[in-house]
Amino acid sequence: MKDYTYYTQQGDAVALPKYTMGIAEEIEQVTLFSDSDARFRDKLKRMYTFLSSLLGESELVDLIGEFKDVDPNDVNIMFLGIVDTYNSPLTTYSNDKIASKIDESQLNKVAQLVESTEKLKAYK
């Protein structure tokens, strides 16, 4: 089982629950609602409610405050950071695949250069 830890803007480590289909579906619902024509306050409240259910109300209040006093940017940044944290294994995997393809491509170019150099030597 993969452990997930989100780091706040202040550098505090927050242990996240195991990533499950239920959490993935909740994130999807919050994201879809955020992309809707709903009022900004309603979108923010939906994110805050999700964060509260994920972390626990008292933990969230300790981290960013109560909803009525919260900086909207703190809610958005925390939500996006938690999504990024849950997506990190996939991001790492994708980046590793891209890096290996780039490395392979560079290796192929070096091999072609060596081959071309050998052909040039043969013509001399």
PDB file of N, CA and C in Angstrom:
ATOM      1  N   MET A   1       0.856  -1.177   0.000  1.00  0.00           N
ATOM      2  CA  MET A   1       0.000   0.000   0.000  1.00  0.00           C
ATOM      3  C   MET A   1       0.901   1.239   0.000  1.00  0.00           C
ATOM      4  N   LYS A   2       0.602   2.168  -0.856  1.00  0.00           N
ATOM      5  CA  LYS A   2       1.355   3.414  -0.994  1.00  0.00           C
ATOM      6  C   LYS A   2       0.883   4.413   0.054  1.00  0.00           C
ATOM      7  N   ASP A   3       1.852   5.029   0.718  1.00  0.00           N
ATOM      8  CA  ASP A   3       1.531   6.106   1.658  1.00  0.00           C
ATOM      9  C   ASP A   3       1.614   7.430   0.918  1.00  0.00           C
ATOM     10  N   TYR A   4       0.661   8.291   1.187  1.00  0.00           N
ATOM     11  CA  TYR A   4       0.608   9.601   0.543  1.00  0.00           C
ATOM     12  C   TYR A   4       0.735  10.682   1.609  1.00  0.00           C
ATOM     13  N   THR A   5       1.635  11.625   1.367  1.00  0.00           N
ATOM     14  CA  THR A   5       1.826  12.747   2.277  1.00  0.00           C
ATOM     15  C   THR A   5       1.783  14.031   1.469  1.00  0.00           C
ATOM     16  N   TYR A   6       0.921  14.940   1.888  1.00  0.00           N
ATOM     17  CA  TYR A   6       0.813  16.261   1.266  1.00  0.00           C
ATOM     18  C   TYR A   6       1.585  17.241   2.125  1.00  0.00           C
ATOM     19  N   TYR A   7       2.363  18.112   1.484  1.00  0.00           N
ATOM     20  CA  TYR A   7       3.108  19.142   2.197  1.00  0.00           C
ATOM     21  C   TYR A   7       2.468  20.492   1.932  1.00  0.00           C
ATOM     22  N   THR A   8       2.064  21.157   3.020  1.00  0.00           N
ATOM     23  CA  THR A   8       1.411  22.463   2.903  1.00  0.00           C
ATOM     24  C   THR A   8       2.420  23.504   2.440  1.00  0.00           C
ATOM     25  N   GLN A   9       1.920  24.687   2.132  1.00  0.00           N
ATOM     26  CA  GLN A   9       2.781  25.794   1.730  1.00  0.00           C
ATOM     27  C   GLN A   9       3.753  26.166   2.844  1.00  0.00           C
ATOM     28  N   GLN A  10       3.386  25.880   4.073  1.00  0.00           N
ATOM     29  CA  GLN A  10       4.240  26.177   5.220  1.00  0.00           C
ATOM     30  C   GLN A  10       5.211  25.037   5.502  1.00  0.00           C
ATOM     31  N   GLY A  11       5.109  23.951   4.737  1.00  0.00           N
ATOM     32  CA  GLY A  11       6.012  22.822   4.907  1.00  0.00           C
ATOM     33  C   GLY A  11       5.529  21.760   5.873  1.00  0.00           C
ATOM     34  N   ASP A  12       4.305  21.888   6.371  1.00  0.00           N
ATOM     35  CA  ASP A  12       3.754  20.876   7.277  1.00  0.00           C
ATOM     36  C   ASP A  12       3.380  19.622   6.488  1.00  0.00           C
ATOM     37  N   ALA A  13       3.735  18.460   7.032  1.00  0.00           N
ATOM     38  CA  ALA A  13       3.393  17.184   6.406  1.00  0.00           C
ATOM     39  C   ALA A  13       2.010  16.750   6.889  1.00  0.00           C
ATOM     40  N   VAL A  14       1.162  16.401   5.930  1.00  0.00           N
ATOM     41  CA  VAL A  14      -0.193  15.950   6.245  1.00  0.00           C
ATOM     42  C   VAL A  14      -0.373  14.562   5.629  1.00  0.00           C
ATOM     43  N   ALA A  15      -0.553  13.567   6.490  1.00  0.00           N
ATOM     44  CA  ALA A  15      -0.776  12.199   6.007  1.00  0.00           C
ATOM     45  C   ALA A  15      -2.163  12.112   5.386  1.00  0.00           C
ATOM     46  N   LEU A  16      -2.205  11.578   4.186  1.00  0.00           N
ATOM     47  CA  LEU A  16      -3.482  11.417   3.487  1.00  0.00           C
ATOM     48  C   LEU A  16      -3.949   9.966   3.589  1.00  0.00           C
ATOM     49  N   PRO A  17      -5.262   9.778   3.541  1.00  0.00           N
ATOM     50  CA  PRO A  17      -5.765   8.393   3.551  1.00  0.00           C
ATOM     51  C   PRO A  17      -5.374   7.668   2.262  1.00  0.00           C
ATOM     52  N   LYS A  18      -5.446   6.355   2.322  1.00  0.00           N
ATOM     53  CA  LYS A  18      -5.183   5.526   1.154  1.00  0.00           C
ATOM     54  C   LYS A  18      -6.022   6.025  -0.016  1.00  0.00           C
ATOM     55  N   TYR A  19      -5.401   6.085  -1.191  1.00  0.00           N
ATOM     56  CA  TYR A  19      -6.109   6.511  -2.399  1.00  0.00           C
ATOM     57  C   TYR A  19      -6.994   5.368  -2.871  1.00  0.00           C
ATOM     58  N   THR A  20      -8.269   5.637  -2.977  1.00  0.00           N
ATOM     59  CA  THR A  20      -9.240   4.617  -3.367  1.00  0.00           C
ATOM     60  C   THR A  20     -10.098   5.143  -4.506  1.00  0.00           C
ATOM     61  N   MET A  21     -10.895   4.267  -5.074  1.00  0.00           N
ATOM     62  CA  MET A  21     -11.837   4.692  -6.118  1.00  0.00           C
ATOM     63  C   MET A  21     -12.820   5.724  -5.559  1.00  0.00           C
ATOM     64  N   GLY A  22     -13.209   5.547  -4.310  1.00  0.00           N
ATOM     65  CA  GLY A  22     -14.121   6.508  -3.696  1.00  0.00           C
ATOM     66  C   GLY A  22     -13.535   7.908  -3.656  1.00  0.00           C
ATOM     67  N   ILE A  23     -12.272   8.009  -3.257  1.00  0.00           N
ATOM     68  CA  ILE A  23     -11.609   9.322  -3.217  1.00  0.00           C
ATOM     69  C   ILE A  23     -11.436   9.855  -4.637  1.00  0.00           C
ATOM     70  N   ALA A  24     -11.056   8.989  -5.570  1.00  0.00           N
ATOM     71  CA  ALA A  24     -10.897   9.414  -6.964  1.00  0.00           C
ATOM     72  C   ALA A  24     -12.212   9.960  -7.526  1.00  0.00           C
ATOM     73  N   GLU A  25     -13.312   9.297  -7.202  1.00  0.00           N
ATOM     74  CA  GLU A  25     -14.623   9.758  -7.680  1.00  0.00           C
ATOM     75  C   GLU A  25     -15.017  11.073  -7.032  1.00  0.00           C
ATOM     76  N   GLU A  26     -14.703  11.244  -5.749  1.00  0.00           N
ATOM     77  CA  GLU A  26     -14.995  12.510  -5.078  1.00  0.00           C
ATOM     78  C   GLU A  26     -14.189  13.650  -5.704  1.00  0.00           C
ATOM     79  N   ILE A  27     -12.921  13.397  -5.977  1.00  0.00           N
ATOM     80  CA  ILE A  27     -12.087  14.409  -6.625  1.00  0.00           C
ATOM     81  C   ILE A  27     -12.667  14.768  -7.988  1.00  0.00           C
ATOM     82  N   GLU A  28     -13.099  13.755  -8.721  1.00  0.00           N
ATOM     83  CA  GLU A  28     -13.703  14.002 -10.033  1.00  0.00           C
ATOM     84  C   GLU A  28     -14.951  14.870  -9.900  1.00  0.00           C
ATOM     85  N   GLN A  29     -15.800  14.580  -8.917  1.00  0.00           N
ATOM     86  CA  GLN A  29     -17.019  15.359  -8.720  1.00  0.00           C
ATOM     87  C   GLN A  29     -16.706  16.810  -8.353  1.00  0.00           C
ATOM     88  N   VAL A  30     -15.732  17.008  -7.476  1.00  0.00           N
ATOM     89  CA  VAL A  30     -15.341  18.375  -7.092  1.00  0.00           C
ATOM     90  C   VAL A  30     -14.798  19.107  -8.310  1.00  0.00           C
ATOM     91  N   THR A  31     -13.984  18.439  -9.093  1.00  0.00           N
ATOM     92  CA  THR A  31     -13.392  19.058 -10.285  1.00  0.00           C
ATOM     93  C   THR A  31     -14.475  19.415 -11.302  1.00  0.00           C
ATOM     94  N   LEU A  32     -15.407  18.514 -11.532  1.00  0.00           N
ATOM     95  CA  LEU A  32     -16.501  18.795 -12.465  1.00  0.00           C
ATOM     96  C   LEU A  32     -17.342  19.973 -11.979  1.00  0.00           C
ATOM     97  N   PHE A  33     -17.604  20.011 -10.669  1.00  0.00           N
ATOM     98  CA  PHE A  33     -18.380  21.115 -10.104  1.00  0.00           C
ATOM     99  C   PHE A  33     -17.607  22.422 -10.232  1.00  0.00           C
ATOM    100  N   SER A  34     -16.302  22.362 -10.052  1.00  0.00           N
ATOM    101  CA  SER A  34     -15.464  23.565 -10.166  1.00  0.00           C
ATOM    102  C   SER A  34     -15.440  24.097 -11.588  1.00  0.00           C
ATOM    103  N   ASP A  35     -15.627  23.212 -12.546  1.00  0.00           N
ATOM    104  CA  ASP A  35     -15.646  23.625 -13.952  1.00  0.00           C
ATOM    105  C   ASP A  35     -17.033  24.091 -14.404  1.00  0.00           C
ATOM    106  N   SER A  36     -17.996  24.031 -13.518  1.00  0.00           N
ATOM    107  CA  SER A  36     -19.366  24.410 -13.873  1.00  0.00           C
ATOM    108  C   SER A  36     -19.559  25.925 -13.774  1.00  0.00           C
ATOM    109  N   ASP A  37     -20.782  26.346 -14.029  1.00  0.00           N
ATOM    110  CA  ASP A  37     -21.129  27.767 -13.941  1.00  0.00           C
ATOM    111  C   ASP A  37     -21.613  28.162 -12.542  1.00  0.00           C
ATOM    112  N   ALA A  38     -21.376  27.330 -11.567  1.00  0.00           N
ATOM    113  CA  ALA A  38     -21.804  27.628 -10.197  1.00  0.00           C
ATOM    114  C   ALA A  38     -21.059  28.859  -9.679  1.00  0.00           C
ATOM    115  N   ARG A  39     -21.615  29.447  -8.635  1.00  0.00           N
ATOM    116  CA  ARG A  39     -20.977  30.613  -8.013  1.00  0.00           C
ATOM    117  C   ARG A  39     -19.637  30.207  -7.406  1.00  0.00           C
ATOM    118  N   PHE A  40     -18.707  31.159  -7.388  1.00  0.00           N
ATOM    119  CA  PHE A  40     -17.371  30.911  -6.849  1.00  0.00           C
ATOM    120  C   PHE A  40     -17.450  30.399  -5.419  1.00  0.00           C
ATOM    121  N   ARG A  41     -18.304  31.011  -4.614  1.00  0.00           N
ATOM    122  CA  ARG A  41     -18.433  30.613  -3.206  1.00  0.00           C
ATOM    123  C   ARG A  41     -18.866  29.155  -3.088  1.00  0.00           C
ATOM    124  N   ASP A  42     -19.799  28.745  -3.939  1.00  0.00           N
ATOM    125  CA  ASP A  42     -20.284  27.371  -3.910  1.00  0.00           C
ATOM    126  C   ASP A  42     -19.188  26.382  -4.331  1.00  0.00           C
ATOM    127  N   LYS A  43     -18.401  26.769  -5.334  1.00  0.00           N
ATOM    128  CA  LYS A  43     -17.295  25.920  -5.771  1.00  0.00           C
ATOM    129  C   LYS A  43     -16.271  25.757  -4.643  1.00  0.00           C
ATOM    130  N   LEU A  44     -15.961  26.876  -4.014  1.00  0.00           N
ATOM    131  CA  LEU A  44     -14.990  26.855  -2.923  1.00  0.00           C
ATOM    132  C   LEU A  44     -15.502  26.028  -1.742  1.00  0.00           C
ATOM    133  N   LYS A  45     -16.785  26.164  -1.437  1.00  0.00           N
ATOM    134  CA  LYS A  45     -17.388  25.403  -0.345  1.00  0.00           C
ATOM    135  C   LYS A  45     -17.325  23.908  -0.636  1.00  0.00           C
ATOM    136  N   ARG A  46     -17.529  23.543  -1.888  1.00  0.00           N
ATOM    137  CA  ARG A  46     -17.470  22.123  -2.277  1.00  0.00           C
ATOM    138  C   ARG A  46     -16.058  21.577  -2.058  1.00  0.00           C
ATOM    139  N   MET A  47     -15.053  22.355  -2.451  1.00  0.00           N
ATOM    140  CA  MET A  47     -13.668  21.937  -2.229  1.00  0.00           C
ATOM    141  C   MET A  47     -13.367  21.826  -0.744  1.00  0.00           C
ATOM    142  N   TYR A  48     -13.793  22.826   0.012  1.00  0.00           N
ATOM    143  CA  TYR A  48     -13.538  22.855   1.449  1.00  0.00           C
ATOM    144  C   TYR A  48     -14.201  21.658   2.120  1.00  0.00           C
ATOM    145  N   THR A  49     -15.410  21.348   1.734  1.00  0.00           N
ATOM    146  CA  THR A  49     -16.135  20.210   2.302  1.00  0.00           C
ATOM    147  C   THR A  49     -15.410  18.901   1.988  1.00  0.00           C
ATOM    148  N   PHE A  50     -14.924  18.777   0.769  1.00  0.00           N
ATOM    149  CA  PHE A  50     -14.157  17.586   0.399  1.00  0.00           C
ATOM    150  C   PHE A  50     -12.896  17.484   1.257  1.00  0.00           C
ATOM    151  N   LEU A  51     -12.156  18.580   1.382  1.00  0.00           N
ATOM    152  CA  LEU A  51     -10.933  18.581   2.186  1.00  0.00           C
ATOM    153  C   LEU A  51     -11.236  18.220   3.634  1.00  0.00           C
ATOM    154  N   SER A  52     -12.342  18.742   4.136  1.00  0.00           N
ATOM    155  CA  SER A  52     -12.745  18.464   5.514  1.00  0.00           C
ATOM    156  C   SER A  52     -13.057  16.981   5.703  1.00  0.00           C
ATOM    157  N   SER A  53     -13.744  16.395   4.734  1.00  0.00           N
ATOM    158  CA  SER A  53     -14.073  14.965   4.856  1.00  0.00           C
ATOM    159  C   SER A  53     -12.823  14.102   4.697  1.00  0.00           C
ATOM    160  N   LEU A  54     -11.869  14.557   3.916  1.00  0.00           N
ATOM    161  CA  LEU A  54     -10.652  13.802   3.682  1.00  0.00           C
ATOM    162  C   LEU A  54      -9.690  13.871   4.870  1.00  0.00           C
ATOM    163  N   LEU A  55      -9.501  15.073   5.402  1.00  0.00           N
ATOM    164  CA  LEU A  55      -8.503  15.297   6.452  1.00  0.00           C
ATOM    165  C   LEU A  55      -9.075  15.303   7.860  1.00  0.00           C
ATOM    166  N   GLY A  56     -10.362  15.556   7.950  1.00  0.00           N
ATOM    167  CA  GLY A  56     -10.995  15.769   9.245  1.00  0.00           C
ATOM    168  C   GLY A  56     -11.163  17.267   9.468  1.00  0.00           C
ATOM    169  N   GLU A  57     -12.297  17.633  10.000  1.00  0.00           N
ATOM    170  CA  GLU A  57     -12.628  19.046  10.147  1.00  0.00           C
ATOM    171  C   GLU A  57     -11.620  19.792  11.011  1.00  0.00           C
ATOM    172  N   SER A  58     -11.245  19.231  12.156  1.00  0.00           N
ATOM    173  CA  SER A  58     -10.336  19.949  13.055  1.00  0.00           C
ATOM    174  C   SER A  58      -8.949  20.113  12.437  1.00  0.00           C
ATOM    175  N   GLU A  59      -8.476  19.103  11.698  1.00  0.00           N
ATOM    176  CA  GLU A  59      -7.177  19.196  11.011  1.00  0.00           C
ATOM    177  C   GLU A  59      -7.214  20.301   9.954  1.00  0.00           C
ATOM    178  N   LEU A  60      -8.304  20.361   9.199  1.00  0.00           N
ATOM    179  CA  LEU A  60      -8.423  21.381   8.158  1.00  0.00           C
ATOM    180  C   LEU A  60      -8.474  22.780   8.762  1.00  0.00           C
ATOM    181  N   VAL A  61      -9.237  22.933   9.834  1.00  0.00           N
ATOM    182  CA  VAL A  61      -9.317  24.236  10.510  1.00  0.00           C
ATOM    183  C   VAL A  61      -7.936  24.640  11.025  1.00  0.00           C
ATOM    184  N   ASP A  62      -7.193  23.693  11.579  1.00  0.00           N
ATOM    185  CA  ASP A  62      -5.829  23.985  12.046  1.00  0.00           C
ATOM    186  C   ASP A  62      -4.926  24.421  10.899  1.00  0.00           C
ATOM    187  N   LEU A  63      -5.127  23.835   9.736  1.00  0.00           N
ATOM    188  CA  LEU A  63      -4.250  24.112   8.593  1.00  0.00           C
ATOM    189  C   LEU A  63      -4.591  25.418   7.882  1.00  0.00           C
ATOM    190  N   ILE A  64      -5.884  25.641   7.607  1.00  0.00           N
ATOM    191  CA  ILE A  64      -6.243  26.831   6.813  1.00  0.00           C
ATOM    192  C   ILE A  64      -7.349  27.690   7.421  1.00  0.00           C
ATOM    193  N   GLY A  65      -7.925  27.251   8.508  1.00  0.00           N
ATOM    194  CA  GLY A  65      -8.965  28.044   9.160  1.00  0.00           C
ATOM    195  C   GLY A  65     -10.367  27.585   8.804  1.00  0.00           C
ATOM    196  N   GLU A  66     -11.331  28.249   9.433  1.00  0.00           N
ATOM    197  CA  GLU A  66     -12.745  27.940   9.158  1.00  0.00           C
ATOM    198  C   GLU A  66     -13.147  28.535   7.816  1.00  0.00           C
ATOM    199  N   PHE A  67     -14.166  27.947   7.215  1.00  0.00           N
ATOM    200  CA  PHE A  67     -14.570  28.362   5.875  1.00  0.00           C
ATOM    201  C   PHE A  67     -14.883  29.856   5.809  1.00  0.00           C
ATOM    202  N   LYS A  68     -15.572  30.376   6.799  1.00  0.00           N
ATOM    203  CA  LYS A  68     -15.987  31.787   6.742  1.00  0.00           C
ATOM    204  C   LYS A  68     -14.798  32.754   6.757  1.00  0.00           C
ATOM    205  N   ASP A  69     -13.632  32.289   7.241  1.00  0.00           N
ATOM    206  CA  ASP A  69     -12.454  33.146   7.345  1.00  0.00           C
ATOM    207  C   ASP A  69     -11.321  32.734   6.411  1.00  0.00           C
ATOM    208  N   VAL A  70     -11.516  31.693   5.635  1.00  0.00           N
ATOM    209  CA  VAL A  70     -10.433  31.108   4.860  1.00  0.00           C
ATOM    210  C   VAL A  70     -10.046  31.985   3.668  1.00  0.00           C
ATOM    211  N   ASP A  71      -8.762  31.965   3.329  1.00  0.00           N
ATOM    212  CA  ASP A  71      -8.267  32.586   2.096  1.00  0.00           C
ATOM    213  C   ASP A  71      -8.621  31.617   0.957  1.00  0.00           C
ATOM    214  N   PRO A  72      -9.399  32.053  -0.023  1.00  0.00           N
ATOM    215  CA  PRO A  72      -9.795  31.155  -1.112  1.00  0.00           C
ATOM    216  C   PRO A  72      -8.603  30.498  -1.814  1.00  0.00           C
ATOM    217  N   ASN A  73      -7.500  31.207  -1.898  1.00  0.00           N
ATOM    218  CA  ASN A  73      -6.315  30.617  -2.538  1.00  0.00           C
ATOM    219  C   ASN A  73      -5.803  29.420  -1.754  1.00  0.00           C
ATOM    220  N   ASP A  74      -5.875  29.477  -0.435  1.00  0.00           N
ATOM    221  CA  ASP A  74      -5.424  28.355   0.392  1.00  0.00           C
ATOM    222  C   ASP A  74      -6.246  27.097   0.100  1.00  0.00           C
ATOM    223  N   VAL A  75      -7.533  27.262  -0.084  1.00  0.00           N
ATOM    224  CA  VAL A  75      -8.399  26.113  -0.387  1.00  0.00           C
ATOM    225  C   VAL A  75      -8.028  25.534  -1.744  1.00  0.00           C
ATOM    226  N   ASN A  76      -7.917  26.392  -2.739  1.00  0.00           N
ATOM    227  CA  ASN A  76      -7.580  25.933  -4.090  1.00  0.00           C
ATOM    228  C   ASN A  76      -6.216  25.267  -4.132  1.00  0.00           C
ATOM    229  N   ILE A  77      -5.217  25.889  -3.521  1.00  0.00           N
ATOM    230  CA  ILE A  77      -3.865  25.340  -3.538  1.00  0.00           C
ATOM    231  C   ILE A  77      -3.817  24.001  -2.813  1.00  0.00           C
ATOM    232  N   MET A  78      -4.502  23.904  -1.676  1.00  0.00           N
ATOM    233  CA  MET A  78      -4.513  22.640  -0.944  1.00  0.00           C
ATOM    234  C   MET A  78      -5.198  21.544  -1.767  1.00  0.00           C
ATOM    235  N   PHE A  79      -6.335  21.861  -2.363  1.00  0.00           N
ATOM    236  CA  PHE A  79      -7.048  20.872  -3.172  1.00  0.00           C
ATOM    237  C   PHE A  79      -6.162  20.394  -4.323  1.00  0.00           C
ATOM    238  N   LEU A  80      -5.592  21.335  -5.065  1.00  0.00           N
ATOM    239  CA  LEU A  80      -4.751  20.973  -6.202  1.00  0.00           C
ATOM    240  C   LEU A  80      -3.502  20.210  -5.755  1.00  0.00           C
ATOM    241  N   GLY A  81      -2.930  20.599  -4.622  1.00  0.00           N
ATOM    242  CA  GLY A  81      -1.758  19.907  -4.098  1.00  0.00           C
ATOM    243  C   GLY A  81      -2.063  18.478  -3.706  1.00  0.00           C
ATOM    244  N   ILE A  82      -3.218  18.278  -3.111  1.00  0.00           N
ATOM    245  CA  ILE A  82      -3.621  16.916  -2.724  1.00  0.00           C
ATOM    246  C   ILE A  82      -3.883  16.071  -3.965  1.00  0.00           C
ATOM    247  N   VAL A  83      -4.515  16.646  -4.971  1.00  0.00           N
ATOM    248  CA  VAL A  83      -4.720  15.921  -6.228  1.00  0.00           C
ATOM    249  C   VAL A  83      -3.366  15.556  -6.833  1.00  0.00           C
ATOM    250  N   ASP A  84      -2.437  16.499  -6.842  1.00  0.00           N
ATOM    251  CA  ASP A  84      -1.091  16.219  -7.363  1.00  0.00           C
ATOM    252  C   ASP A  84      -0.404  15.112  -6.561  1.00  0.00           C
ATOM    253  N   THR A  85      -0.580  15.129  -5.243  1.00  0.00           N
ATOM    254  CA  THR A  85       0.016  14.106  -4.398  1.00  0.00           C
ATOM    255  C   THR A  85      -0.531  12.727  -4.751  1.00  0.00           C
ATOM    256  N   TYR A  86      -1.836  12.631  -4.911  1.00  0.00           N
ATOM    257  CA  TYR A  86      -2.432  11.349  -5.277  1.00  0.00           C
ATOM    258  C   TYR A  86      -2.018  10.918  -6.692  1.00  0.00           C
ATOM    259  N   ASN A  87      -1.769  11.879  -7.566  1.00  0.00           N
ATOM    260  CA  ASN A  87      -1.379  11.557  -8.941  1.00  0.00           C
ATOM    261  C   ASN A  87       0.130  11.340  -9.099  1.00  0.00           C
ATOM    262  N   SER A  88       0.899  11.555  -8.039  1.00  0.00           N
ATOM    263  CA  SER A  88       2.358  11.504  -8.156  1.00  0.00           C
ATOM    264  C   SER A  88       2.907  10.166  -8.673  1.00  0.00           C
ATOM    265  N   PRO A  89       2.383   9.010  -8.270  1.00  0.00           N
ATOM    266  CA  PRO A  89       2.936   7.768  -8.835  1.00  0.00           C
ATOM    267  C   PRO A  89       2.766   7.692 -10.353  1.00  0.00           C
ATOM    268  N   LEU A  90       1.625   8.126 -10.850  1.00  0.00           N
ATOM    269  CA  LEU A  90       1.383   8.112 -12.293  1.00  0.00           C
ATOM    270  C   LEU A  90       2.272   9.135 -12.996  1.00  0.00           C
ATOM    271  N   THR A  91       2.425  10.305 -12.381  1.00  0.00           N
ATOM    272  CA  THR A  91       3.287  11.340 -12.951  1.00  0.00           C
ATOM    273  C   THR A  91       4.733  10.848 -13.018  1.00  0.00           C
ATOM    274  N   THR A  92       5.207  10.233 -11.942  1.00  0.00           N
ATOM    275  CA  THR A  92       6.566   9.697 -11.915  1.00  0.00           C
ATOM    276  C   THR A  92       6.748   8.630 -12.981  1.00  0.00           C
ATOM    277  N   TYR A  93       5.781   7.736 -13.088  1.00  0.00           N
ATOM    278  CA  TYR A  93       5.841   6.688 -14.099  1.00  0.00           C
ATOM    279  C   TYR A  93       5.919   7.292 -15.502  1.00  0.00           C
ATOM    280  N   SER A  94       5.058   8.253 -15.790  1.00  0.00           N
ATOM    281  CA  SER A  94       5.041   8.895 -17.108  1.00  0.00           C
ATOM    282  C   SER A  94       6.352   9.618 -17.383  1.00  0.00           C
ATOM    283  N   ASN A  95       6.856  10.332 -16.397  1.00  0.00           N
ATOM    284  CA  ASN A  95       8.119  11.055 -16.572  1.00  0.00           C
ATOM    285  C   ASN A  95       9.278  10.089 -16.804  1.00  0.00           C
ATOM    286  N   ASP A  96       9.275   8.964 -16.087  1.00  0.00           N
ATOM    287  CA  ASP A  96      10.324   7.961 -16.273  1.00  0.00           C
ATOM    288  C   ASP A  96      10.272   7.376 -17.684  1.00  0.00           C
ATOM    289  N   LYS A  97       9.061   7.121 -18.175  1.00  0.00           N
ATOM    290  CA  LYS A  97       8.907   6.577 -19.530  1.00  0.00           C
ATOM    291  C   LYS A  97       9.417   7.585 -20.565  1.00  0.00           C
ATOM    292  N   ILE A  98       9.078   8.853 -20.381  1.00  0.00           N
ATOM    293  CA  ILE A  98       9.537   9.896 -21.303  1.00  0.00           C
ATOM    294  C   ILE A  98      11.055  10.011 -21.248  1.00  0.00           C
ATOM    295  N   ALA A  99      11.610  10.004 -20.043  1.00  0.00           N
ATOM    296  CA  ALA A  99      13.061  10.107 -19.884  1.00  0.00           C
ATOM    297  C   ALA A  99      13.768   8.933 -20.551  1.00  0.00           C
ATOM    298  N   SER A 100      13.216   7.738 -20.396  1.00  0.00           N
ATOM    299  CA  SER A 100      13.859   6.577 -21.008  1.00  0.00           C
ATOM    300  C   SER A 100      13.786   6.660 -22.533  1.00  0.00           C
ATOM    301  N   LYS A 101      12.680   7.191 -23.056  1.00  0.00           N
ATOM    302  CA  LYS A 101      12.571   7.356 -24.508  1.00  0.00           C
ATOM    303  C   LYS A 101      13.559   8.402 -24.995  1.00  0.00           C
ATOM    304  N   ILE A 102      13.720   9.480 -24.240  1.00  0.00           N
ATOM    305  CA  ILE A 102      14.691  10.508 -24.606  1.00  0.00           C
ATOM    306  C   ILE A 102      16.092   9.925 -24.554  1.00  0.00           C
ATOM    307  N   ASP A 103      16.400   9.183 -23.480  1.00  0.00           N
ATOM    308  CA  ASP A 103      17.711   8.551 -23.357  1.00  0.00           C
ATOM    309  C   ASP A 103      17.961   7.596 -24.519  1.00  0.00           C
ATOM    310  N   GLU A 104      16.942   6.813 -24.863  1.00  0.00           N
ATOM    311  CA  GLU A 104      17.073   5.873 -25.964  1.00  0.00           C
ATOM    312  C   GLU A 104      17.284   6.613 -27.266  1.00  0.00           C
ATOM    313  N   SER A 105      16.565   7.705 -27.462  1.00  0.00           N
ATOM    314  CA  SER A 105      16.701   8.509 -28.661  1.00  0.00           C
ATOM    315  C   SER A 105      18.106   9.094 -28.765  1.00  0.00           C
ATOM    316  N   GLN A 106      18.621   9.603 -27.635  1.00  0.00           N
ATOM    317  CA  GLN A 106      19.976  10.154 -27.622  1.00  0.00           C
ATOM    318  C   GLN A 106      21.000   9.059 -27.905  1.00  0.00           C
ATOM    319  N   LEU A 107      20.789   7.888 -27.335  1.00  0.00           N
ATOM    320  CA  LEU A 107      21.691   6.765 -27.568  1.00  0.00           C
ATOM    321  C   LEU A 107      21.683   6.376 -29.039  1.00  0.00           C
ATOM    322  N   ASN A 108      20.512   6.374 -29.646  1.00  0.00           N
ATOM    323  CA  ASN A 108      20.408   6.060 -31.073  1.00  0.00           C
ATOM    324  C   ASN A 108      21.154   7.086 -31.915  1.00  0.00           C
ATOM    325  N   LYS A 109      21.062   8.351 -31.525  1.00  0.00           N
ATOM    326  CA  LYS A 109      21.774   9.405 -32.262  1.00  0.00           C
ATOM    327  C   LYS A 109      23.278   9.222 -32.148  1.00  0.00           C
ATOM    328  N   VAL A 110      23.767   8.876 -30.976  1.00  0.00           N
ATOM    329  CA  VAL A 110      25.201   8.634 -30.781  1.00  0.00           C
ATOM    330  C   VAL A 110      25.627   7.434 -31.628  1.00  0.00           C
ATOM    331  N   ALA A 111      24.818   6.393 -31.618  1.00  0.00           N
ATOM    332  CA  ALA A 111      25.140   5.202 -32.407  1.00  0.00           C
ATOM    333  C   ALA A 111      25.196   5.550 -33.893  1.00  0.00           C
ATOM    334  N   GLN A 112      24.264   6.363 -34.357  1.00  0.00           N
ATOM    335  CA  GLN A 112      24.262   6.787 -35.764  1.00  0.00           C
ATOM    336  C   GLN A 112      25.497   7.628 -36.081  1.00  0.00           C
ATOM    337  N   LEU A 113      25.884   8.473 -35.144  1.00  0.00           N
ATOM    338  CA  LEU A 113      27.069   9.312 -35.331  1.00  0.00           C
ATOM    339  C   LEU A 113      28.330   8.444 -35.432  1.00  0.00           C
ATOM    340  N   VAL A 114      28.438   7.458 -34.554  1.00  0.00           N
ATOM    341  CA  VAL A 114      29.585   6.547 -34.584  1.00  0.00           C
ATOM    342  C   VAL A 114      29.605   5.786 -35.906  1.00  0.00           C
ATOM    343  N   GLU A 115      28.438   5.316 -36.318  1.00  0.00           N
ATOM    344  CA  GLU A 115      28.341   4.576 -37.574  1.00  0.00           C
ATOM    345  C   GLU A 115      28.745   5.456 -38.748  1.00  0.00           C
ATOM    346  N   SER A 116      28.274   6.692 -38.757  1.00  0.00           N
ATOM    347  CA  SER A 116      28.626   7.629 -39.829  1.00  0.00           C
ATOM    348  C   SER A 116      30.113   7.918 -39.829  1.00  0.00           C
ATOM    349  N   THR A 117      30.688   8.072 -38.645  1.00  0.00           N
ATOM    350  CA  THR A 117      32.122   8.337 -38.524  1.00  0.00           C
ATOM    351  C   THR A 117      32.922   7.162 -39.072  1.00  0.00           C
ATOM    352  N   GLU A 118      32.477   5.952 -38.757  1.00  0.00           N
ATOM    353  CA  GLU A 118      33.167   4.752 -39.259  1.00  0.00           C
ATOM    354  C   GLU A 118      33.073   4.675 -40.784  1.00  0.00           C
ATOM    355  N   LYS A 119      31.932   5.053 -41.340  1.00  0.00           N
ATOM    356  CA  LYS A 119      31.778   5.041 -42.797  1.00  0.00           C
ATOM    357  C   LYS A 119      32.696   6.068 -43.437  1.00  0.00           C
ATOM    358  N   LEU A 120      32.815   7.239 -42.795  1.00  0.00           N
ATOM    359  CA  LEU A 120      33.707   8.276 -43.331  1.00  0.00           C
ATOM    360  C   LEU A 120      35.158   7.810 -43.309  1.00  0.00           C
ATOM    361  N   LYS A 121      35.536   7.129 -42.243  1.00  0.00           N
ATOM    362  CA  LYS A 121      36.903   6.595 -42.147  1.00  0.00           C
ATOM    363  C   LYS A 121      37.167   5.574 -43.248  1.00  0.00           C
ATOM    364  N   ALA A 122      36.139   4.804 -43.606  1.00  0.00           N
ATOM    365  CA  ALA A 122      36.274   3.774 -44.634  1.00  0.00           C
ATOM    366  C   ALA A 122      36.488   4.398 -46.011  1.00  0.00           C
ATOM    367  N   TYR A 123      35.949   5.593 -46.249  1.00  0.00           N
ATOM    368  CA  TYR A 123      36.096   6.268 -47.541  1.00  0.00           C
ATOM    369  C   TYR A 123      37.462   6.891 -47.711  1.00  0.00           C
ATOM    370  N   LYS A 124      38.206   7.106 -46.629  1.00  0.00           N
ATOM    371  CA  LYS A 124      39.521   7.753 -46.700  1.00  0.00           C
ATOM    372  C   LYS A 124      40.556   6.842 -47.222  1.00  0.00           C
TER     373      LYS A 124
END
